[in-house]
Amino acid sequence: MGLTRHQRWLLTPVLPLLTLAGCSGDGLGDLKAYVAEVRERPHAAIQPIPEIAQIETFTYVTADRRDPFSPVVSDRQRQKVAPSSGPVPDFLRPKEELEQFPLDSLRMVGSVEQGEDMWGLVRSTDQVIHRTKAGDYLGQNHGQISRITEEAIDLTEIVSDGQGGYRERAASLTLAE
């Protein structure tokens, strides 16, 4: 049972009107009731802003106290402990690759002899093996290789003496088993 063309033509404008008529209720009855209930509740008193406690100020008087921004060692004591005329690291020298690692993190893994030259093989913490010779630097204390044998790499480090000067210290890397 189908609709004729004439019947469809009549229903086309009526159908949207019927749909809109079904939406005539606002559907906000529950919301309006809730809002009315909330408005009728007793109002709570607003708490006053708490009073901020005043911080006691302090004025630093340097009458008989030392200046906190000056070094503990006085100028008179500094003159007594003048830096020695010992070794001084060359800070202008370009750093070599193995100087970025602490000496105790480097491992000697072997040696190679080529003619009269003895090369030391050193493994760094990034697991790269580096070839070194006498005169190269390694470690973070300006350590310069003085001698390479089959069992060890001997070097001389220049370390701070804690009083503004430097001193030499012997160190070595031994062959890792």
Protein backbone atom coordinates (compact mmCIF):
# COMPACT_ATOMS: atom_id res chain seq x y z
CA MET A 1 0.00 0.00 0.00
CA GLY A 2 1.95 2.95 -1.24
CA LEU A 3 1.22 6.59 -1.19
CA THR A 4 0.28 8.27 -4.35
CA ARG A 5 2.14 11.16 -5.72
CA HIS A 6 -0.56 13.56 -4.63
CA GLN A 7 -0.56 12.21 -1.06
CA ARG A 8 3.21 12.51 -0.80
CA TRP A 9 2.98 16.08 -2.01
CA LEU A 10 0.55 16.89 0.81
CA LEU A 11 2.62 15.13 3.54
CA THR A 12 5.90 16.81 2.64
CA PRO A 13 5.14 20.19 4.33
CA VAL A 14 3.14 18.62 7.17
CA LEU A 15 5.79 16.17 8.37
CA PRO A 16 8.33 18.84 9.52
CA LEU A 17 5.53 20.71 11.31
CA LEU A 18 4.56 17.58 13.23
CA THR A 19 8.20 16.98 14.17
CA LEU A 20 8.57 20.51 15.53
CA ALA A 21 5.33 20.19 17.49
CA GLY A 22 6.82 17.22 19.36
CA CYS A 23 9.70 19.44 20.53
CA SER A 24 7.44 22.11 22.03
CA GLY A 25 8.17 21.09 25.68
CA ASP A 26 11.26 22.81 27.07
CA GLY A 27 12.44 19.72 29.07
CA LEU A 28 14.11 21.96 31.62
CA GLY A 29 11.72 21.25 34.49
CA ASP A 30 14.28 19.22 36.49
CA LEU A 31 16.95 21.86 36.06
CA LYS A 32 14.63 24.69 37.09
CA ALA A 33 13.59 22.75 40.21
CA TYR A 34 17.21 22.14 41.21
CA VAL A 35 18.14 25.81 40.74
CA ALA A 36 15.17 26.87 42.86
CA GLU A 37 16.21 24.43 45.62
CA VAL A 38 19.78 25.73 45.65
CA ARG A 39 18.58 29.35 45.86
CA GLU A 40 16.44 28.56 48.89
CA ARG A 41 19.29 27.03 50.88
CA PRO A 42 20.64 29.20 53.72
CA HIS A 43 23.73 31.17 52.70
CA ALA A 44 26.98 30.32 54.47
CA ALA A 45 29.00 33.16 55.90
CA ILE A 46 32.23 33.96 54.05
CA GLN A 47 35.29 33.41 56.19
CA PRO A 48 37.41 36.53 56.71
CA ILE A 49 40.87 36.65 55.11
CA PRO A 50 43.46 35.34 57.60
CA GLU A 51 45.85 37.91 58.95
CA ILE A 52 49.43 37.49 57.71
CA ALA A 53 52.03 37.28 60.46
CA GLN A 54 54.67 39.98 60.27
CA ILE A 55 58.21 38.65 59.75
CA GLU A 56 60.82 40.09 62.04
CA THR A 57 63.54 41.84 60.05
CA PHE A 58 67.24 41.48 60.75
CA THR A 59 69.85 44.12 60.13
CA TYR A 60 73.36 42.71 59.67
CA VAL A 61 75.90 44.88 61.47
CA THR A 62 79.49 44.07 60.55
CA ALA A 63 81.02 45.65 63.64
CA ASP A 64 82.89 42.60 64.95
CA ARG A 65 81.80 39.93 62.46
CA ARG A 66 83.48 38.86 59.28
CA ASP A 67 81.94 39.70 55.92
CA PRO A 68 80.04 36.58 54.74
CA PHE A 69 80.98 37.32 51.14
CA SER A 70 84.73 37.45 51.63
CA PRO A 71 86.95 34.34 51.73
CA VAL A 72 87.76 32.81 55.10
CA VAL A 73 91.51 33.13 54.46
CA SER A 74 92.70 36.67 55.16
CA ASP A 75 95.06 38.61 52.91
CA ARG A 76 97.81 38.28 55.53
CA GLN A 77 97.45 34.48 55.58
CA ARG A 78 97.30 34.38 51.79
CA GLN A 79 100.64 36.18 51.57
CA LYS A 80 102.21 33.62 53.91
CA VAL A 81 101.00 30.76 51.71
CA ALA A 82 102.02 32.04 48.30
CA PRO A 83 101.71 29.60 45.42
CA SER A 84 104.88 27.63 44.98
CA SER A 85 106.97 27.91 41.87
CA GLY A 86 106.10 24.29 41.09
CA PRO A 87 104.40 22.87 38.01
CA VAL A 88 101.45 24.67 36.44
CA PRO A 89 99.04 23.00 33.99
CA ASP A 90 98.83 24.48 30.50
CA PHE A 91 95.21 25.67 30.39
CA LEU A 92 95.56 27.00 26.84
CA ARG A 93 96.51 23.59 25.40
CA PRO A 94 93.66 21.95 23.43
CA LYS A 95 92.20 19.02 25.38
CA GLU A 96 92.68 15.52 24.05
CA GLU A 97 89.80 13.06 23.84
CA LEU A 98 90.75 10.92 26.85
CA GLU A 99 90.92 13.97 29.14
CA GLN A 100 87.13 14.04 29.44
CA PHE A 101 87.13 10.78 31.46
CA PRO A 102 88.21 10.33 35.09
CA LEU A 103 91.40 8.26 35.30
CA ASP A 104 89.76 5.51 37.37
CA SER A 105 87.15 4.94 34.63
CA LEU A 106 89.80 4.24 31.95
CA ARG A 107 91.16 0.70 31.47
CA MET A 108 94.37 -0.43 29.80
CA VAL A 109 93.46 -3.37 27.58
CA GLY A 110 96.76 -3.98 25.82
CA SER A 111 99.82 -2.58 24.12
CA VAL A 112 101.23 -2.61 20.60
CA GLU A 113 104.88 -2.25 19.61
CA GLN A 114 105.64 -0.82 16.17
CA GLY A 115 109.35 -0.53 15.52
CA GLU A 116 110.71 1.50 18.44
CA ASP A 117 107.32 2.98 19.37
CA MET A 118 105.19 1.47 22.14
CA TRP A 119 101.48 2.24 22.00
CA GLY A 120 99.02 1.71 24.85
CA LEU A 121 95.44 0.60 24.20
CA VAL A 122 92.97 2.26 26.55
CA ARG A 123 89.23 1.55 26.75
CA SER A 124 87.00 4.47 27.82
CA THR A 125 83.58 4.28 29.48
CA ASP A 126 81.86 4.52 26.10
CA GLN A 127 83.59 1.18 25.23
CA VAL A 128 85.82 2.75 22.55
CA ILE A 129 89.45 1.62 22.47
CA HIS A 130 91.95 4.48 22.02
CA ARG A 131 95.61 4.20 20.97
CA THR A 132 97.96 6.32 23.12
CA LYS A 133 101.69 7.03 23.13
CA ALA A 134 104.15 8.70 25.48
CA GLY A 135 103.41 12.42 25.70
CA ASP A 136 99.63 12.05 25.25
CA TYR A 137 97.27 13.31 27.97
CA LEU A 138 94.54 11.36 29.71
CA GLY A 139 92.36 11.72 32.81
CA GLN A 140 90.90 14.91 34.25
CA ASN A 141 93.99 15.96 36.25
CA HIS A 142 96.25 17.00 33.36
CA GLY A 143 97.87 13.54 33.31
CA GLN A 144 100.65 13.16 30.73
CA ILE A 145 101.88 9.71 29.75
CA SER A 146 105.56 9.32 30.63
CA ARG A 147 106.13 5.62 29.81
CA ILE A 148 104.25 2.68 28.31
CA THR A 149 105.18 -0.93 29.03
CA GLU A 150 103.42 -4.19 28.23
CA GLU A 151 101.80 -4.21 31.70
CA ALA A 152 101.16 -0.52 32.51
CA ILE A 153 100.86 3.05 31.35
CA ASP A 154 102.70 5.42 33.70
CA LEU A 155 101.73 9.07 33.80
CA THR A 156 102.34 12.23 35.79
CA GLU A 157 99.31 14.24 36.90
CA ILE A 158 99.33 17.89 37.95
CA VAL A 159 96.87 18.35 40.83
CA SER A 160 95.95 21.31 43.01
CA ASP A 161 97.67 21.42 46.40
CA GLY A 162 94.67 23.22 47.97
CA GLN A 163 96.64 26.42 48.60
CA GLY A 164 96.57 27.98 45.16
CA GLY A 165 99.49 26.00 43.75
CA TYR A 166 99.99 22.67 42.00
CA ARG A 167 102.07 19.58 42.54
CA GLU A 168 102.95 16.55 40.47
CA ARG A 169 101.58 13.11 41.33
CA ALA A 170 102.53 9.77 39.79
CA ALA A 171 99.71 7.54 38.57
CA SER A 172 99.39 4.51 36.33
CA LEU A 173 96.92 2.36 34.45
CA THR A 174 97.67 -1.34 34.71
CA LEU A 175 96.67 -4.01 32.24
CA ALA A 176 93.13 -5.23 32.99
CA GLU A 177 92.84 -8.99 33.29
